[in-house]
Amino acid sequence: MAHIWQVLWGFPQTVLGLMLRFALRGPRRHYQYRTAYVTEWNLNAGFTSGMFIFVPRDCPRRLLAHEYGHTLQSLLLGPLYLPVVVFPSLVWAGTPRLQHYRSARGYSYYRFPVERWANLLAERVTGEQPEGWYERRERHRIKVERASDPKPEREIESKSD
């Protein structure tokens, strides 16, 4: 049922993913991960279009879970997936100025809102820890520790007459 919904509701990204998958035929590894079709390619990055996931060879399971989160976004957003998720993510990932911005501030690629959302969906649906998951958990842990630090007590001076 998810496949029918994906094809109809997410038609633009499904067609794009299908065309890319057929363009990458040949001696490549193709397999299924949950309800998505995975193709390994020579690029050192993941990309998801509809129910089609493209990942580097021997990609870590965390990256696969993250990319599956984008498949779930596609199911939720339908025709809005390309303008809301794909185009902003491509700009965030591929613009040299934004790459420098992230690097200078120590920001992870997964800090971008749609990337964090993909991780959240993947974690909730698969129970796996997606790529970038540990960063979110680590930031949360630090915030909790800071909040639980005892506040320095002020010395109250008593005025004696």
Protein backbone atom coordinates (compact mmCIF):
# COMPACT_ATOMS: atom_id res chain seq x y z
CA MET A 1 0.00 0.00 0.00
CA ALA A 2 2.87 2.39 0.79
CA HIS A 3 4.21 1.92 -2.73
CA ILE A 4 0.90 2.87 -4.37
CA TRP A 5 0.56 5.91 -2.11
CA GLN A 6 4.17 6.90 -2.83
CA VAL A 7 3.72 6.64 -6.59
CA LEU A 8 0.47 8.63 -6.64
CA TRP A 9 1.05 11.20 -3.88
CA GLY A 10 4.78 11.58 -4.50
CA PHE A 11 4.66 11.28 -8.28
CA PRO A 12 7.30 13.92 -9.20
CA GLN A 13 10.02 12.58 -6.88
CA THR A 14 9.13 8.96 -7.65
CA VAL A 15 9.55 9.55 -11.38
CA LEU A 16 12.85 11.40 -10.76
CA GLY A 17 14.11 8.55 -8.54
CA LEU A 18 13.04 5.90 -11.03
CA MET A 19 14.79 7.71 -13.89
CA LEU A 20 17.96 8.05 -11.82
CA ARG A 21 17.82 4.38 -10.82
CA PHE A 22 17.55 3.28 -14.46
CA ALA A 23 20.31 5.71 -15.46
CA LEU A 24 22.56 4.03 -12.86
CA ARG A 25 22.01 0.50 -14.11
CA GLY A 26 24.95 -1.71 -14.69
CA PRO A 27 27.32 -3.29 -12.20
CA ARG A 28 25.77 -1.63 -9.18
CA ARG A 29 24.30 -3.17 -6.10
CA HIS A 30 20.53 -2.76 -5.78
CA TYR A 31 18.55 -3.92 -2.76
CA GLN A 32 15.51 -3.11 -0.68
CA TYR A 33 15.53 -1.38 2.72
CA ARG A 34 12.11 -1.51 4.32
CA THR A 35 9.77 0.06 1.73
CA ALA A 36 12.54 1.80 -0.25
CA TYR A 37 14.71 0.68 -3.14
CA VAL A 38 18.42 1.31 -2.61
CA THR A 39 21.09 1.77 -5.26
CA GLU A 40 24.76 2.10 -4.44
CA TRP A 41 26.62 4.69 -6.48
CA ASN A 42 30.10 6.20 -6.74
CA LEU A 43 29.31 9.50 -5.03
CA ASN A 44 30.25 9.98 -1.39
CA ALA A 45 26.80 11.22 -0.39
CA GLY A 46 23.27 9.97 0.01
CA PHE A 47 20.26 11.14 -1.97
CA THR A 48 16.62 10.18 -1.75
CA SER A 49 13.89 10.78 -4.30
CA GLY A 50 10.56 9.24 -3.42
CA MET A 51 11.02 5.57 -2.61
CA PHE A 52 14.47 5.47 -4.23
CA ILE A 53 17.58 5.86 -2.09
CA PHE A 54 21.07 6.34 -3.50
CA VAL A 55 24.02 5.78 -1.18
CA PRO A 56 27.80 5.25 -1.43
CA ARG A 57 29.09 1.70 -1.62
CA ASP A 58 29.22 -0.01 1.76
CA CYS A 59 27.41 2.92 3.35
CA PRO A 60 26.96 2.87 7.11
CA ARG A 61 23.60 1.69 8.37
CA ARG A 62 23.11 5.11 10.00
CA LEU A 63 23.20 6.86 6.61
CA LEU A 64 20.72 4.37 5.21
CA ALA A 65 18.36 5.05 8.14
CA HIS A 66 18.74 8.82 7.61
CA GLU A 67 17.94 8.51 3.91
CA TYR A 68 14.93 6.37 4.78
CA GLY A 69 13.76 9.31 6.88
CA HIS A 70 13.66 11.32 3.66
CA THR A 71 11.51 8.58 2.10
CA LEU A 72 9.08 9.09 4.98
CA GLN A 73 9.13 12.86 4.40
CA SER A 74 8.23 12.18 0.79
CA LEU A 75 5.25 10.10 1.90
CA LEU A 76 4.08 12.89 4.20
CA LEU A 77 4.68 15.86 1.89
CA GLY A 78 3.82 14.37 -1.48
CA PRO A 79 4.32 16.93 -4.26
CA LEU A 80 5.77 19.43 -1.78
CA TYR A 81 8.74 17.17 -1.04
CA LEU A 82 10.97 18.55 -3.81
CA PRO A 83 10.55 22.25 -2.94
CA VAL A 84 10.43 21.76 0.85
CA VAL A 85 13.12 19.10 1.35
CA VAL A 86 15.23 18.35 -1.73
CA PHE A 87 16.00 21.81 -3.08
CA PRO A 88 16.85 23.39 0.30
CA SER A 89 18.97 20.35 1.25
CA LEU A 90 20.89 20.52 -2.02
CA VAL A 91 21.59 24.22 -1.42
CA TRP A 92 22.62 23.53 2.21
CA ALA A 93 24.93 20.71 1.10
CA GLY A 94 26.32 22.06 -2.14
CA THR A 95 26.77 25.80 -1.79
CA PRO A 96 30.42 26.61 -1.03
CA ARG A 97 29.46 29.62 1.09
CA LEU A 98 27.17 27.49 3.26
CA GLN A 99 29.81 24.76 3.47
CA HIS A 100 32.24 27.38 4.78
CA TYR A 101 29.58 28.69 7.19
CA ARG A 102 29.02 25.20 8.61
CA SER A 103 32.72 24.50 8.84
CA ALA A 104 33.59 27.82 10.51
CA ARG A 105 30.94 27.31 13.18
CA GLY A 106 31.42 23.59 13.61
CA TYR A 107 27.87 22.89 12.44
CA SER A 108 26.95 19.48 11.18
CA TYR A 109 25.12 18.99 7.90
CA TYR A 110 22.41 17.32 10.00
CA ARG A 111 21.74 20.56 11.87
CA PHE A 112 19.58 21.76 8.97
CA PRO A 113 15.87 21.48 9.93
CA VAL A 114 14.77 19.06 7.20
CA GLU A 115 17.78 16.84 7.93
CA ARG A 116 16.95 16.78 11.65
CA TRP A 117 13.35 15.97 10.76
CA ALA A 118 14.49 13.07 8.55
CA ASN A 119 16.52 11.72 11.48
CA LEU A 120 13.58 12.06 13.85
CA LEU A 121 11.24 10.21 11.47
CA ALA A 122 13.80 7.47 10.82
CA GLU A 123 14.44 6.98 14.51
CA ARG A 124 10.75 6.79 15.36
CA VAL A 125 9.79 4.46 12.52
CA THR A 126 12.83 2.17 12.31
CA GLY A 127 14.10 2.32 15.88
CA GLU A 128 17.60 2.76 14.42
CA GLN A 129 19.97 5.61 15.11
CA PRO A 130 20.34 7.59 11.86
CA GLU A 131 23.40 9.55 10.76
CA GLY A 132 23.68 12.69 12.86
CA TRP A 133 21.50 11.15 15.60
CA TYR A 134 24.29 11.18 18.18
CA GLU A 135 24.82 14.92 17.68
CA ARG A 136 21.22 15.68 18.59
CA ARG A 137 21.38 13.43 21.62
CA GLU A 138 24.73 14.88 22.71
CA ARG A 139 23.44 18.47 22.50
CA HIS A 140 20.37 17.47 24.51
CA ARG A 141 22.53 15.77 27.15
CA ILE A 142 24.68 18.88 27.51
CA LYS A 143 21.61 21.10 27.86
CA VAL A 144 20.18 18.82 30.55
CA GLU A 145 23.48 18.78 32.43
CA ARG A 146 23.70 22.57 32.29
CA ALA A 147 20.14 22.92 33.51
CA SER A 148 20.80 20.61 36.44
CA ASP A 149 24.00 22.38 37.55
CA PRO A 150 23.47 23.96 40.93
CA LYS A 151 23.19 27.72 40.79
CA PRO A 152 25.84 29.54 42.75
CA GLU A 153 24.41 30.76 45.97
CA ARG A 154 24.61 34.44 46.59
CA GLU A 155 26.00 35.55 49.85
CA ILE A 156 23.48 37.62 51.61
CA GLU A 157 24.93 40.31 53.74
CA SER A 158 22.96 41.10 56.79
CA LYS A 159 22.89 44.65 57.82
CA SER A 160 23.33 45.08 61.46
CA ASP A 161 22.46 48.34 63.04
